[in-house]
C-alpha atoms as a PDB file:
ATOM      1  CA  UNK A   1    -114.891  72.824 112.657  1.00  0.00           C
ATOM      2  CA  UNK A   2    -115.608  69.601 110.784  1.00  0.00           C
ATOM      3  CA  UNK A   3    -114.297  66.152 111.614  1.00  0.00           C
ATOM      4  CA  UNK A   4    -111.852  64.293 109.375  1.00  0.00           C
ATOM      5  CA  UNK A   5    -112.302  60.719 108.176  1.00  0.00           C
ATOM      6  CA  UNK A   6    -109.586  58.787 106.351  1.00  0.00           C
ATOM      7  CA  UNK A   7    -110.744  57.420 102.956  1.00  0.00           C
ATOM      8  CA  UNK A   8    -110.231  53.802 104.120  1.00  0.00           C
ATOM      9  CA  UNK A   9    -112.528  54.247 107.147  1.00  0.00           C
ATOM     10  CA  UNK A  10    -116.172  53.168 107.077  1.00  0.00           C
ATOM     11  CA  UNK A  11    -118.579  55.409 108.970  1.00  0.00           C
ATOM     12  CA  UNK A  12    -122.113  54.075 108.645  1.00  0.00           C
ATOM     13  CA  UNK A  13    -124.994  56.453 108.060  1.00  0.00           C
ATOM     14  CA  UNK A  14    -126.539  57.352 111.404  1.00  0.00           C
ATOM     15  CA  UNK A  15    -123.256  57.529 113.323  1.00  0.00           C
ATOM     16  CA  UNK A  16    -122.746  60.819 115.170  1.00  0.00           C
ATOM     17  CA  UNK A  17    -119.202  62.240 114.948  1.00  0.00           C
ATOM     18  CA  UNK A  18    -118.277  65.446 116.825  1.00  0.00           C
ATOM     19  CA  UNK A  19    -116.326  68.431 115.531  1.00  0.00           C
ATOM     20  CA  UNK A  20    -112.532  68.195 115.234  1.00  0.00           C
ATOM     21  CA  UNK A  21    -112.589  64.408 115.671  1.00  0.00           C
ATOM     22  CA  UNK A  22    -110.094  62.480 113.543  1.00  0.00           C
ATOM     23  CA  UNK A  23    -110.889  58.981 112.333  1.00  0.00           C
ATOM     24  CA  UNK A  24    -107.863  57.147 110.925  1.00  0.00           C
ATOM     25  CA  UNK A  25    -107.155  54.191 108.595  1.00  0.00           C
ATOM     26  CA  UNK A  26    -109.453  51.145 108.433  1.00  0.00           C
ATOM     27  CA  UNK A  27    -111.801  52.247 111.216  1.00  0.00           C
ATOM     28  CA  UNK A  28    -115.430  51.061 111.257  1.00  0.00           C
ATOM     29  CA  UNK A  29    -117.989  53.201 113.097  1.00  0.00           C
ATOM     30  CA  UNK A  30    -121.462  51.616 113.155  1.00  0.00           C
ATOM     31  CA  UNK A  31    -124.774  53.395 112.752  1.00  0.00           C
ATOM     32  CA  UNK A  32    -125.983  54.766 116.091  1.00  0.00           C
ATOM     33  CA  UNK A  33    -122.521  55.196 117.589  1.00  0.00           C
ATOM     34  CA  UNK A  34    -121.851  58.543 119.290  1.00  0.00           C
ATOM     35  CA  UNK A  35    -118.333  60.003 119.233  1.00  0.00           C
ATOM     36  CA  UNK A  36    -117.714  63.412 120.806  1.00  0.00           C
ATOM     37  CA  UNK A  37    -115.571  66.353 119.792  1.00  0.00           C
ATOM     38  CA  UNK A  38    -111.746  66.458 119.532  1.00  0.00           C
ATOM     39  CA  UNK A  39    -111.336  62.667 119.617  1.00  0.00           C
ATOM     40  CA  UNK A  40    -108.666  60.631 117.876  1.00  0.00           C
ATOM     41  CA  UNK A  41    -109.789  57.205 116.709  1.00  0.00           C
ATOM     42  CA  UNK A  42    -106.703  55.203 115.686  1.00  0.00           C
ATOM     43  CA  UNK A  43    -106.093  52.697 112.936  1.00  0.00           C
ATOM     44  CA  UNK A  44    -108.188  49.517 112.853  1.00  0.00           C
ATOM     45  CA  UNK A  45    -110.651  50.597 115.578  1.00  0.00           C
ATOM     46  CA  UNK A  46    -114.225  49.270 115.650  1.00  0.00           C
ATOM     47  CA  UNK A  47    -117.014  51.292 117.310  1.00  0.00           C
ATOM     48  CA  UNK A  48    -120.336  49.518 117.915  1.00  0.00           C
ATOM     49  CA  UNK A  49    -123.730  51.095 117.292  1.00  0.00           C
ATOM     50  CA  UNK A  50    -124.554  51.473 120.995  1.00  0.00           C
ATOM     51  CA  UNK A  51    -121.115  52.701 122.025  1.00  0.00           C
ATOM     52  CA  UNK A  52    -120.824  56.202 123.467  1.00  0.00           C
ATOM     53  CA  UNK A  53    -117.487  58.046 123.365  1.00  0.00           C
ATOM     54  CA  UNK A  54    -117.131  61.455 125.048  1.00  0.00           C
ATOM     55  CA  UNK A  55    -115.073  64.508 124.116  1.00  0.00           C
ATOM     56  CA  UNK A  56    -111.285  64.536 123.931  1.00  0.00           C
ATOM     57  CA  UNK A  57    -110.960  60.727 123.932  1.00  0.00           C
ATOM     58  CA  UNK A  58    -107.893  59.064 122.378  1.00  0.00           C
ATOM     59  CA  UNK A  59    -108.329  55.495 121.206  1.00  0.00           C
ATOM     60  CA  UNK A  60    -105.110  53.970 119.930  1.00  0.00           C
ATOM     61  CA  UNK A  61    -104.792  51.317 117.202  1.00  0.00           C
ATOM     62  CA  UNK A  62    -106.560  47.919 117.233  1.00  0.00           C
ATOM     63  CA  UNK A  63    -109.269  48.586 119.849  1.00  0.00           C
ATOM     64  CA  UNK A  64    -112.896  47.388 119.584  1.00  0.00           C
ATOM     65  CA  UNK A  65    -115.409  49.543 121.465  1.00  0.00           C
ATOM     66  CA  UNK A  66    -118.418  47.237 121.587  1.00  0.00           C
ATOM     67  CA  UNK A  67    -122.098  47.982 122.191  1.00  0.00           C
ATOM     68  CA  UNK A  68    -122.874  49.204 125.726  1.00  0.00           C
ATOM     69  CA  UNK A  69    -119.376  50.578 126.348  1.00  0.00           C
ATOM     70  CA  UNK A  70    -119.546  54.158 127.632  1.00  0.00           C
ATOM     71  CA  UNK A  71    -116.320  56.160 127.551  1.00  0.00           C
ATOM     72  CA  UNK A  72    -116.498  59.558 129.256  1.00  0.00           C
ATOM     73  CA  UNK A  73    -114.449  62.674 128.371  1.00  0.00           C
ATOM     74  CA  UNK A  74    -110.639  62.714 128.155  1.00  0.00           C
ATOM     75  CA  UNK A  75    -110.138  58.940 128.415  1.00  0.00           C
ATOM     76  CA  UNK A  76    -107.047  57.289 126.911  1.00  0.00           C
ATOM     77  CA  UNK A  77    -107.386  53.772 125.477  1.00  0.00           C
ATOM     78  CA  UNK A  78    -103.931  52.300 124.790  1.00  0.00           C
ATOM     79  CA  UNK A  79    -102.979  50.202 121.759  1.00  0.00           C
ATOM     80  CA  UNK A  80    -104.671  46.811 121.452  1.00  0.00           C
ATOM     81  CA  UNK A  81    -106.519  47.097 124.779  1.00  0.00           C
ATOM     82  CA  UNK A  82    -109.671  44.973 124.962  1.00  0.00           C
ATOM     83  CA  UNK A  83    -113.272  45.499 126.013  1.00  0.00           C
ATOM     84  CA  UNK A  84    -115.493  42.413 126.374  1.00  0.00           C
ATOM     85  CA  UNK A  85    -119.281  42.420 126.234  1.00  0.00           C
ATOM     86  CA  UNK A  86    -120.477  38.999 127.433  1.00  0.00           C
ATOM     87  CA  UNK A  87    -119.356  37.203 130.616  1.00  0.00           C
ATOM     88  CA  UNK A  88    -119.618  33.648 129.285  1.00  0.00           C
ATOM     89  CA  UNK A  89    -119.381  33.709 125.472  1.00  0.00           C
ATOM     90  CA  UNK A  90    -120.052  30.646 123.318  1.00  0.00           C
ATOM     91  CA  UNK A  91    -119.842  30.651 119.517  1.00  0.00           C
ATOM     92  CA  UNK A  92    -122.955  28.471 119.264  1.00  0.00           C
ATOM     93  CA  UNK A  93    -125.143  30.556 121.635  1.00  0.00           C
ATOM     94  CA  UNK A  94    -126.260  34.075 120.743  1.00  0.00           C
ATOM     95  CA  UNK A  95    -126.115  36.255 123.855  1.00  0.00           C
ATOM     96  CA  UNK A  96    -126.588  39.765 122.483  1.00  0.00           C
ATOM     97  CA  UNK A  97    -129.390  40.284 125.033  1.00  0.00           C
ATOM     98  CA  UNK A  98    -126.834  39.611 127.812  1.00  0.00           C
ATOM     99  CA  UNK A  99    -124.399  42.437 127.026  1.00  0.00           C
ATOM    100  CA  UNK A 100    -123.278  44.219 130.180  1.00  0.00           C
ATOM    101  CA  UNK A 101    -122.627  47.957 130.348  1.00  0.00           C
ATOM    102  CA  UNK A 102    -119.029  48.967 130.871  1.00  0.00           C
ATOM    103  CA  UNK A 103    -118.271  52.548 131.938  1.00  0.00           C
ATOM    104  CA  UNK A 104    -114.917  54.298 131.791  1.00  0.00           C
ATOM    105  CA  UNK A 105    -115.090  57.527 133.818  1.00  0.00           C
ATOM    106  CA  UNK A 106    -113.582  60.907 132.916  1.00  0.00           C
ATOM    107  CA  UNK A 107    -109.824  61.107 132.493  1.00  0.00           C
ATOM    108  CA  UNK A 108    -109.070  57.405 133.068  1.00  0.00           C
ATOM    109  CA  UNK A 109    -106.180  55.798 131.180  1.00  0.00           C
ATOM    110  CA  UNK A 110    -106.279  52.186 129.997  1.00  0.00           C
ATOM    111  CA  UNK A 111    -102.782  50.852 129.240  1.00  0.00           C
ATOM    112  CA  UNK A 112    -101.718  48.906 126.167  1.00  0.00           C
ATOM    113  CA  UNK A 113    -103.053  45.345 125.964  1.00  0.00           C
ATOM    114  CA  UNK A 114    -105.134  45.623 129.143  1.00  0.00           C
ATOM    115  CA  UNK A 115    -108.508  43.868 129.265  1.00  0.00           C
ATOM    116  CA  UNK A 116    -111.662  45.400 130.738  1.00  0.00           C
ATOM    117  CA  UNK A 117    -114.187  42.645 131.456  1.00  0.00           C
ATOM    118  CA  UNK A 118    -117.747  43.741 130.761  1.00  0.00           C
ATOM    119  CA  UNK A 119    -119.956  45.121 133.506  1.00  0.00           C
ATOM    120  CA  UNK A 120    -117.297  47.074 135.394  1.00  0.00           C
ATOM    121  CA  UNK A 121    -116.781  50.777 135.976  1.00  0.00           C
ATOM    122  CA  UNK A 122    -113.287  52.250 135.854  1.00  0.00           C
ATOM    123  CA  UNK A 123    -113.197  55.336 138.098  1.00  0.00           C
ATOM    124  CA  UNK A 124    -112.344  58.926 137.296  1.00  0.00           C
ATOM    125  CA  UNK A 125    -108.624  59.433 136.512  1.00  0.00           C
ATOM    126  CA  UNK A 126    -107.817  55.794 137.352  1.00  0.00           C
ATOM    127  CA  UNK A 127    -104.722  54.352 135.680  1.00  0.00           C
ATOM    128  CA  UNK A 128    -104.807  50.763 134.417  1.00  0.00           C
ATOM    129  CA  UNK A 129    -101.317  49.365 133.735  1.00  0.00           C
ATOM    130  CA  UNK A 130    -100.338  47.686 130.479  1.00  0.00           C
ATOM    131  CA  UNK A 131    -101.520  44.077 130.302  1.00  0.00           C
ATOM    132  CA  UNK A 132    -103.776  44.374 133.365  1.00  0.00           C
ATOM    133  CA  UNK A 133    -107.016  42.370 133.483  1.00  0.00           C
ATOM    134  CA  UNK A 134    -109.823  44.315 135.195  1.00  0.00           C
ATOM    135  CA  UNK A 135    -112.582  42.043 136.535  1.00  0.00           C
ATOM    136  CA  UNK A 136    -114.272  44.364 139.074  1.00  0.00           C
ATOM    137  CA  UNK A 137    -114.942  48.070 139.594  1.00  0.00           C
ATOM    138  CA  UNK A 138    -111.947  50.370 139.958  1.00  0.00           C
ATOM    139  CA  UNK A 139    -112.033  53.394 142.347  1.00  0.00           C
ATOM    140  CA  UNK A 140    -111.337  56.964 141.260  1.00  0.00           C
ATOM    141  CA  UNK A 141    -107.579  57.714 141.084  1.00  0.00           C
ATOM    142  CA  UNK A 142    -106.625  54.034 141.604  1.00  0.00           C
ATOM    143  CA  UNK A 143    -103.446  52.570 140.102  1.00  0.00           C
ATOM    144  CA  UNK A 144    -104.142  48.987 138.997  1.00  0.00           C
ATOM    145  CA  UNK A 145    -101.787  46.276 137.701  1.00  0.00           C
ATOM    146  CA  UNK A 146    -101.710  42.503 137.186  1.00  0.00           C
ATOM    147  CA  UNK A 147    -104.004  39.601 136.333  1.00  0.00           C
ATOM    148  CA  UNK A 148    -106.433  39.849 137.936  1.00  0.00           C
ATOM    149  CA  UNK A 149    -106.022  43.556 138.577  1.00  0.00           C
ATOM    150  CA  UNK A 150    -104.880  44.576 142.037  1.00  0.00           C
ATOM    151  CA  UNK A 151    -104.512  48.066 143.357  1.00  0.00           C
ATOM    152  CA  UNK A 152    -100.949  49.117 144.159  1.00  0.00           C
ATOM    153  CA  UNK A 153    -101.521  52.804 144.824  1.00  0.00           C
ATOM    154  CA  UNK A 154    -103.120  56.057 143.750  1.00  0.00           C
ATOM    155  CA  UNK A 155    -102.429  58.627 141.010  1.00  0.00           C
ATOM    156  CA  UNK A 156    -103.189  62.312 140.554  1.00  0.00           C
ATOM    157  CA  UNK A 157    -105.130  63.882 137.667  1.00  0.00           C
ATOM    158  CA  UNK A 158    -101.941  63.907 135.552  1.00  0.00           C
ATOM    159  CA  UNK A 159    -101.350  60.189 136.196  1.00  0.00           C
ATOM    160  CA  UNK A 160     -98.392  60.614 138.552  1.00  0.00           C
ATOM    161  CA  UNK A 161     -98.178  58.394 141.614  1.00  0.00           C
ATOM    162  CA  UNK A 162     -99.329  59.842 144.930  1.00  0.00           C
ATOM    163  CA  UNK A 163     -97.576  59.122 148.222  1.00  0.00           C
ATOM    164  CA  UNK A 164    -100.566  57.395 149.787  1.00  0.00           C
ATOM    165  CA  UNK A 165    -101.134  53.892 151.170  1.00  0.00           C
ATOM    166  CA  UNK A 166    -103.728  51.742 149.400  1.00  0.00           C
ATOM    167  CA  UNK A 167    -106.108  52.195 152.353  1.00  0.00           C
ATOM    168  CA  UNK A 168    -106.299  54.169 155.571  1.00  0.00           C
ATOM    169  CA  UNK A 169    -106.351  57.853 156.428  1.00  0.00           C
ATOM    170  CA  UNK A 170    -103.797  60.153 154.795  1.00  0.00           C
ATOM    171  CA  UNK A 171    -103.259  63.168 152.558  1.00  0.00           C
ATOM    172  CA  UNK A 172    -100.792  63.775 149.749  1.00  0.00           C
ATOM    173  CA  UNK A 173     -99.782  66.748 147.653  1.00  0.00           C
ATOM    174  CA  UNK A 174     -99.420  66.272 143.914  1.00  0.00           C
ATOM    175  CA  UNK A 175     -95.873  66.915 142.738  1.00  0.00           C
ATOM    176  CA  UNK A 176     -97.186  68.187 139.400  1.00  0.00           C
ATOM    177  CA  UNK A 177     -99.809  70.767 140.324  1.00  0.00           C
ATOM    178  CA  UNK A 178     -99.767  71.067 144.140  1.00  0.00           C
ATOM    179  CA  UNK A 179    -103.324  69.784 144.531  1.00  0.00           C
ATOM    180  CA  UNK A 180    -104.180  68.000 147.764  1.00  0.00           C
ATOM    181  CA  UNK A 181    -105.579  64.456 147.690  1.00  0.00           C
ATOM    182  CA  UNK A 182    -107.254  62.946 150.728  1.00  0.00           C
ATOM    183  CA  UNK A 183    -107.565  59.211 151.430  1.00  0.00           C
ATOM    184  CA  UNK A 184    -110.364  58.059 153.716  1.00  0.00           C
ATOM    185  CA  UNK A 185    -110.643  54.293 153.926  1.00  0.00           C
ATOM    186  CA  UNK A 186    -110.432  53.182 150.309  1.00  0.00           C
ATOM    187  CA  UNK A 187    -111.637  56.432 148.700  1.00  0.00           C
ATOM    188  CA  UNK A 188    -109.435  59.252 147.405  1.00  0.00           C
ATOM    189  CA  UNK A 189    -110.794  62.721 146.681  1.00  0.00           C
ATOM    190  CA  UNK A 190    -109.075  65.754 145.250  1.00  0.00           C
ATOM    191  CA  UNK A 191    -109.548  68.711 147.563  1.00  0.00           C
END
C-alpha cells in the first residue's frame, strides 16, 4: 500500500516514507528523513534530514522533528509540542555540530505544548502531560507534569493511571487489560 502526500506538502528527494503513511497540509520532510509505516504527519510539521520516525507514529499539527530526534513505534506527539536540538542556542553562533540526540521510546505520549529538551530519553509508554517541560530522562511508564517535569505517578500501556506510589515496592493491576505492573525502587515493569 502506498503512502499519501497532500499536494501542499514538500517531501524532498531522498526522504524515506513507509507504506500507508499520510502526510498532511504544508508539511516539509527533508532529504534523508526516515518515516515508518502507518504514520500520520499532521499539518505544518517539519521533519529534519536526520530524524527517524518509527511505525504507527502520530504527529499532530505544528511540530518540528529536528535532526537527531529518534521516535520509536506507536508514539503520539500532541499538537504544538516542541523538540529542541541545542542546549545553549545563540543566533550568532552556529552549533549544528552540538546537536544532542533525543529518543522517544515505543508507545510514549507527548502532550500538547510540552517541550522535550534535547539529549533526553522518554521511556517506553511514558505519558508527558500537556505543557510539561522535560529536562532529564523519563522512566518507562512514568506520568510527568509541570515545569520542570516532575513525576506524579505511573501509567499502564493504555495510558491509564496505575495505583502505585512514585517509588518503593508495590504491584498494581491495570484496570483496562488486567496486566500486572511491578514497582521496584523507581522502576516499573509489566509482568
